Amino acid sequence: NAHNGDISPHGGFKPCNKDGTSTSRGSSPELWFIDRDSDWGWGLYNGGFGHMASYQSKKSSSSDPHGMKELSFEVTMQWDGGSYTIYKWKVADDEFTAYEGKNSGCNAGDSYAFTPRLWAYNSGSTFYMKDLVISQSDDPPLPAQNSIGTSSVGASQSSIGVPSVGASSKILFHHQAGHI
């Protein structure tokens, strides 16, 4: 149940790593989902992102995981040599433009700096990932999304010619006590 305000399901994707090889949640920046009345939905937390919850109105939209839906998750991050920022973030058919340009706080000197991670808040939440695709702007373009919903992110480049890195996947949500 992603509508009962009990925090779970809660977890998400860490596009970069400030925590080395730690297995704890740590302080790496998060693109997360939370079921909590004060900040329900897809938002940002930790790292340089701070805490942002700009899309609480998306209940019952295509990005709402209620009902154990498999959701396509696409994020394009941009590295400009000094900062790693969100260029574009989309879950299912919902684009989260308010988060564009937000700095992750990761830097090239961090151990395992550009190693992405998936996390879940506690035993009440389980997040799955499948079909992970990672590309960078000098990679050949990837095929477009096919008819069964496999997601992919093609190479992209900002208007000022700064390389971007794209990652896409399907994220599945599972609540330990049963399906959402």
C-alpha atoms as a PDB file:
ATOM      1  CA  ASN A   1       0.000   0.000   0.000  1.00  0.00           C
ATOM      2  CA  ALA A   2       1.667   3.210  -1.138  1.00  0.00           C
ATOM      3  CA  HIS A   3      -1.196   5.362   0.170  1.00  0.00           C
ATOM      4  CA  ASN A   4      -1.417   4.642   3.898  1.00  0.00           C
ATOM      5  CA  GLY A   5       1.257   7.096   5.095  1.00  0.00           C
ATOM      6  CA  ASP A   6       3.350   4.498   6.963  1.00  0.00           C
ATOM      7  CA  ILE A   7       6.625   5.451   5.183  1.00  0.00           C
ATOM      8  CA  SER A   8       6.936   2.084   3.367  1.00  0.00           C
ATOM      9  CA  PRO A   9       7.510   1.647   0.560  1.00  0.00           C
ATOM     10  CA  HIS A  10      10.540   3.865   0.963  1.00  0.00           C
ATOM     11  CA  GLY A  11      13.760   3.619  -0.994  1.00  0.00           C
ATOM     12  CA  GLY A  12      15.269   4.526  -4.290  1.00  0.00           C
ATOM     13  CA  PHE A  13      18.259   5.059  -6.502  1.00  0.00           C
ATOM     14  CA  LYS A  14      21.598   6.646  -5.606  1.00  0.00           C
ATOM     15  CA  PRO A  15      23.125   7.965  -8.846  1.00  0.00           C
ATOM     16  CA  CYS A  16      26.568   8.346  -7.298  1.00  0.00           C
ATOM     17  CA  ASN A  17      28.396   7.233  -4.191  1.00  0.00           C
ATOM     18  CA  LYS A  18      29.771   9.171  -1.233  1.00  0.00           C
ATOM     19  CA  ASP A  19      29.890   6.090   1.034  1.00  0.00           C
ATOM     20  CA  GLY A  20      32.634   3.891  -0.448  1.00  0.00           C
ATOM     21  CA  THR A  21      31.866   0.201   0.103  1.00  0.00           C
ATOM     22  CA  SER A  22      29.535   0.730   3.062  1.00  0.00           C
ATOM     23  CA  THR A  23      26.367  -1.369   3.103  1.00  0.00           C
ATOM     24  CA  SER A  24      24.440   1.151   5.216  1.00  0.00           C
ATOM     25  CA  ARG A  25      22.162   3.808   3.770  1.00  0.00           C
ATOM     26  CA  GLY A  26      24.890   6.411   4.211  1.00  0.00           C
ATOM     27  CA  SER A  27      24.887   9.971   2.934  1.00  0.00           C
ATOM     28  CA  SER A  28      24.921   9.500  -0.841  1.00  0.00           C
ATOM     29  CA  PRO A  29      22.327  11.514  -2.782  1.00  0.00           C
ATOM     30  CA  GLU A  30      19.008   9.744  -3.344  1.00  0.00           C
ATOM     31  CA  LEU A  31      16.244   9.875  -5.912  1.00  0.00           C
ATOM     32  CA  TRP A  32      13.646   8.291  -3.680  1.00  0.00           C
ATOM     33  CA  PHE A  33      10.030   7.323  -3.171  1.00  0.00           C
ATOM     34  CA  ILE A  34       8.345   7.637   0.234  1.00  0.00           C
ATOM     35  CA  ASP A  35       4.814   6.961   1.479  1.00  0.00           C
ATOM     36  CA  ARG A  36       4.571   9.674   4.129  1.00  0.00           C
ATOM     37  CA  ASP A  37       1.901  12.368   4.321  1.00  0.00           C
ATOM     38  CA  SER A  38       4.347  15.274   4.681  1.00  0.00           C
ATOM     39  CA  ASP A  39       6.434  14.442   1.585  1.00  0.00           C
ATOM     40  CA  TRP A  40       4.673  11.612  -0.293  1.00  0.00           C
ATOM     41  CA  GLY A  41       6.037  10.622  -3.666  1.00  0.00           C
ATOM     42  CA  TRP A  42       9.217  10.941  -5.682  1.00  0.00           C
ATOM     43  CA  GLY A  43      11.784  13.320  -4.271  1.00  0.00           C
ATOM     44  CA  LEU A  44      15.407  14.029  -3.457  1.00  0.00           C
ATOM     45  CA  TYR A  45      17.331  13.451  -0.260  1.00  0.00           C
ATOM     46  CA  ASN A  46      20.897  13.358   1.056  1.00  0.00           C
ATOM     47  CA  GLY A  47      24.148  14.365  -0.595  1.00  0.00           C
ATOM     48  CA  GLY A  48      24.055  17.805  -2.138  1.00  0.00           C
ATOM     49  CA  PHE A  49      20.344  17.442  -2.934  1.00  0.00           C
ATOM     50  CA  GLY A  50      19.122  18.160   0.582  1.00  0.00           C
ATOM     51  CA  HIS A  51      15.431  17.260   0.959  1.00  0.00           C
ATOM     52  CA  MET A  52      12.953  18.078  -1.788  1.00  0.00           C
ATOM     53  CA  ALA A  53       9.417  16.774  -2.257  1.00  0.00           C
ATOM     54  CA  SER A  54       7.871  18.711  -5.133  1.00  0.00           C
ATOM     55  CA  TYR A  55       5.420  16.166  -6.533  1.00  0.00           C
ATOM     56  CA  GLN A  56       3.014  15.172  -3.751  1.00  0.00           C
ATOM     57  CA  SER A  57       0.138  15.692  -6.185  1.00  0.00           C
ATOM     58  CA  LYS A  58       1.166  12.651  -8.273  1.00  0.00           C
ATOM     59  CA  LYS A  59      -0.951  10.117  -6.311  1.00  0.00           C
ATOM     60  CA  SER A  60      -2.837   7.979  -8.835  1.00  0.00           C
ATOM     61  CA  SER A  61      -0.614   9.208 -11.689  1.00  0.00           C
ATOM     62  CA  SER A  62       1.463   6.886 -13.863  1.00  0.00           C
ATOM     63  CA  SER A  63       4.444   7.133 -11.448  1.00  0.00           C
ATOM     64  CA  ASP A  64       2.404   6.093  -8.389  1.00  0.00           C
ATOM     65  CA  PRO A  65       3.676   2.613  -7.367  1.00  0.00           C
ATOM     66  CA  HIS A  66       0.431   1.704  -5.563  1.00  0.00           C
ATOM     67  CA  GLY A  67      -0.569  -1.825  -6.536  1.00  0.00           C
ATOM     68  CA  MET A  68       2.971  -3.208  -7.012  1.00  0.00           C
ATOM     69  CA  LYS A  69       3.348  -1.718 -10.483  1.00  0.00           C
ATOM     70  CA  GLU A  70       6.508  -2.112 -12.501  1.00  0.00           C
ATOM     71  CA  LEU A  71       7.652   1.403 -13.343  1.00  0.00           C
ATOM     72  CA  SER A  72      10.168   2.640 -15.870  1.00  0.00           C
ATOM     73  CA  PHE A  73      12.700   4.947 -14.210  1.00  0.00           C
ATOM     74  CA  GLU A  74      14.948   7.148 -16.318  1.00  0.00           C
ATOM     75  CA  VAL A  75      17.493   9.622 -15.065  1.00  0.00           C
ATOM     76  CA  THR A  76      20.112  11.561 -16.988  1.00  0.00           C
ATOM     77  CA  MET A  77      22.885  13.044 -14.882  1.00  0.00           C
ATOM     78  CA  GLN A  78      25.323  15.636 -16.188  1.00  0.00           C
ATOM     79  CA  TRP A  79      28.989  15.923 -15.161  1.00  0.00           C
ATOM     80  CA  ASP A  80      30.634  19.252 -15.992  1.00  0.00           C
ATOM     81  CA  GLY A  81      34.032  18.487 -14.497  1.00  0.00           C
ATOM     82  CA  GLY A  82      33.113  19.865 -11.079  1.00  0.00           C
ATOM     83  CA  SER A  83      29.497  18.967 -10.346  1.00  0.00           C
ATOM     84  CA  TYR A  84      27.167  16.044 -11.048  1.00  0.00           C
ATOM     85  CA  THR A  85      23.633  17.321 -11.584  1.00  0.00           C
ATOM     86  CA  ILE A  86      20.231  16.019 -12.631  1.00  0.00           C
ATOM     87  CA  TYR A  87      19.653  16.812 -16.288  1.00  0.00           C
ATOM     88  CA  LYS A  88      16.330  14.939 -16.561  1.00  0.00           C
ATOM     89  CA  TRP A  89      14.325  12.539 -14.370  1.00  0.00           C
ATOM     90  CA  LYS A  90      11.242  10.621 -15.417  1.00  0.00           C
ATOM     91  CA  VAL A  91       9.267   7.794 -13.791  1.00  0.00           C
ATOM     92  CA  ALA A  92       6.662   6.149 -16.017  1.00  0.00           C
ATOM     93  CA  ASP A  93       5.022   9.083 -17.862  1.00  0.00           C
ATOM     94  CA  ASP A  94       5.763  11.702 -15.185  1.00  0.00           C
ATOM     95  CA  GLU A  95       8.712  14.060 -15.650  1.00  0.00           C
ATOM     96  CA  PHE A  96      10.153  15.770 -12.576  1.00  0.00           C
ATOM     97  CA  THR A  97      11.372  19.059 -14.003  1.00  0.00           C
ATOM     98  CA  ALA A  98      11.602  20.805 -10.606  1.00  0.00           C
ATOM     99  CA  TYR A  99      14.641  18.626  -9.843  1.00  0.00           C
ATOM    100  CA  GLU A 100      16.567  19.497 -13.018  1.00  0.00           C
ATOM    101  CA  GLY A 101      19.924  21.113 -12.292  1.00  0.00           C
ATOM    102  CA  LYS A 102      20.062  19.917  -8.681  1.00  0.00           C
ATOM    103  CA  ASN A 103      23.639  19.102  -7.668  1.00  0.00           C
ATOM    104  CA  SER A 104      24.241  15.636  -6.196  1.00  0.00           C
ATOM    105  CA  GLY A 105      27.274  16.768  -4.202  1.00  0.00           C
ATOM    106  CA  CYS A 106      29.362  13.861  -5.500  1.00  0.00           C
ATOM    107  CA  ASN A 107      32.803  14.539  -6.868  1.00  0.00           C
ATOM    108  CA  ALA A 108      35.392  12.568  -8.780  1.00  0.00           C
ATOM    109  CA  GLY A 109      37.634  12.239  -5.711  1.00  0.00           C
ATOM    110  CA  ASP A 110      35.103  10.174  -3.713  1.00  0.00           C
ATOM    111  CA  SER A 111      35.861   6.438  -3.464  1.00  0.00           C
ATOM    112  CA  TYR A 112      33.702   4.600  -6.015  1.00  0.00           C
ATOM    113  CA  ALA A 113      32.277   8.046  -6.851  1.00  0.00           C
ATOM    114  CA  PHE A 114      30.210   7.081  -9.866  1.00  0.00           C
ATOM    115  CA  THR A 115      28.995   3.698  -8.652  1.00  0.00           C
ATOM    116  CA  PRO A 116      25.174   3.823  -8.525  1.00  0.00           C
ATOM    117  CA  ARG A 117      23.295   1.992  -5.776  1.00  0.00           C
ATOM    118  CA  LEU A 118      19.749   0.922  -4.969  1.00  0.00           C
ATOM    119  CA  TRP A 119      18.485   1.006  -1.394  1.00  0.00           C
ATOM    120  CA  ALA A 120      15.415   0.238   0.706  1.00  0.00           C
ATOM    121  CA  TYR A 121      14.594   1.933   3.991  1.00  0.00           C
ATOM    122  CA  ASN A 122      13.960  -1.098   6.214  1.00  0.00           C
ATOM    123  CA  SER A 123      12.610  -4.629   6.181  1.00  0.00           C
ATOM    124  CA  GLY A 124       9.183  -3.215   5.292  1.00  0.00           C
ATOM    125  CA  SER A 125      10.391  -2.100   1.857  1.00  0.00           C
ATOM    126  CA  THR A 126      12.092  -3.983  -0.932  1.00  0.00           C
ATOM    127  CA  PHE A 127      13.120  -2.343  -4.186  1.00  0.00           C
ATOM    128  CA  TYR A 128      14.084  -4.311  -7.269  1.00  0.00           C
ATOM    129  CA  MET A 129      15.834  -3.197 -10.419  1.00  0.00           C
ATOM    130  CA  LYS A 130      15.896  -4.862 -13.812  1.00  0.00           C
ATOM    131  CA  ASP A 131      17.054  -3.941 -17.294  1.00  0.00           C
ATOM    132  CA  LEU A 132      19.595  -1.388 -16.051  1.00  0.00           C
ATOM    133  CA  VAL A 133      21.137   0.511 -18.948  1.00  0.00           C
ATOM    134  CA  ILE A 134      23.932   3.040 -18.467  1.00  0.00           C
ATOM    135  CA  SER A 135      25.338   5.114 -21.296  1.00  0.00           C
ATOM    136  CA  GLN A 136      27.374   8.258 -21.810  1.00  0.00           C
ATOM    137  CA  SER A 137      27.261  10.884 -24.515  1.00  0.00           C
ATOM    138  CA  ASP A 138      29.945   9.350 -26.685  1.00  0.00           C
ATOM    139  CA  ASP A 139      28.236   5.923 -26.688  1.00  0.00           C
ATOM    140  CA  PRO A 140      26.188   4.938 -29.746  1.00  0.00           C
ATOM    141  CA  PRO A 141      22.451   5.641 -29.316  1.00  0.00           C
ATOM    142  CA  LEU A 142      20.375   2.891 -27.736  1.00  0.00           C
ATOM    143  CA  PRO A 143      17.184   1.530 -29.301  1.00  0.00           C
ATOM    144  CA  ALA A 144      13.930   3.311 -28.467  1.00  0.00           C
ATOM    145  CA  GLN A 145      11.551   1.926 -25.859  1.00  0.00           C
ATOM    146  CA  ASN A 146       9.858  -1.190 -27.210  1.00  0.00           C
ATOM    147  CA  SER A 147       6.189  -2.065 -27.078  1.00  0.00           C
ATOM    148  CA  ILE A 148       6.413  -4.125 -23.884  1.00  0.00           C
ATOM    149  CA  GLY A 149       7.801  -1.261 -21.841  1.00  0.00           C
ATOM    150  CA  THR A 150      11.517  -1.979 -21.641  1.00  0.00           C
ATOM    151  CA  SER A 151      13.096   1.360 -20.956  1.00  0.00           C
ATOM    152  CA  SER A 152      16.299   2.724 -22.324  1.00  0.00           C
ATOM    153  CA  VAL A 153      18.017   6.079 -22.316  1.00  0.00           C
ATOM    154  CA  GLY A 154      19.892   7.157 -25.395  1.00  0.00           C
ATOM    155  CA  ALA A 155      22.995   9.260 -25.372  1.00  0.00           C
ATOM    156  CA  SER A 156      22.352  12.895 -24.685  1.00  0.00           C
ATOM    157  CA  GLN A 157      24.253  16.104 -24.595  1.00  0.00           C
ATOM    158  CA  SER A 158      23.241  19.422 -23.113  1.00  0.00           C
ATOM    159  CA  SER A 159      22.854  22.501 -25.259  1.00  0.00           C
ATOM    160  CA  ILE A 160      26.271  23.738 -24.158  1.00  0.00           C
ATOM    161  CA  GLY A 161      28.022  20.524 -25.203  1.00  0.00           C
ATOM    162  CA  VAL A 162      28.640  19.056 -21.726  1.00  0.00           C
ATOM    163  CA  PRO A 163      28.565  15.240 -21.719  1.00  0.00           C
ATOM    164  CA  SER A 164      25.753  13.550 -19.855  1.00  0.00           C
ATOM    165  CA  VAL A 165      25.351  10.096 -18.386  1.00  0.00           C
ATOM    166  CA  GLY A 166      21.994   8.372 -18.601  1.00  0.00           C
ATOM    167  CA  ALA A 167      20.679   5.468 -16.597  1.00  0.00           C
ATOM    168  CA  SER A 168      17.369   3.754 -16.895  1.00  0.00           C
ATOM    169  CA  SER A 169      15.749   0.776 -15.363  1.00  0.00           C
ATOM    170  CA  LYS A 170      12.524  -0.632 -14.110  1.00  0.00           C
ATOM    171  CA  ILE A 171      12.067  -0.343 -10.383  1.00  0.00           C
ATOM    172  CA  LEU A 172       9.702  -2.735  -8.680  1.00  0.00           C
ATOM    173  CA  PHE A 173       8.315  -1.990  -5.244  1.00  0.00           C
ATOM    174  CA  HIS A 174       7.478  -4.635  -2.694  1.00  0.00           C
ATOM    175  CA  HIS A 175       6.170  -4.208   0.805  1.00  0.00           C
ATOM    176  CA  GLN A 176       7.277  -7.030   3.112  1.00  0.00           C
ATOM    177  CA  ALA A 177       3.774  -7.599   4.476  1.00  0.00           C
ATOM    178  CA  GLY A 178       2.360  -8.073   0.980  1.00  0.00           C
ATOM    179  CA  HIS A 179       2.053  -6.388  -2.347  1.00  0.00           C
ATOM    180  CA  ILE A 180       1.487  -2.675  -2.506  1.00  0.00           C
END
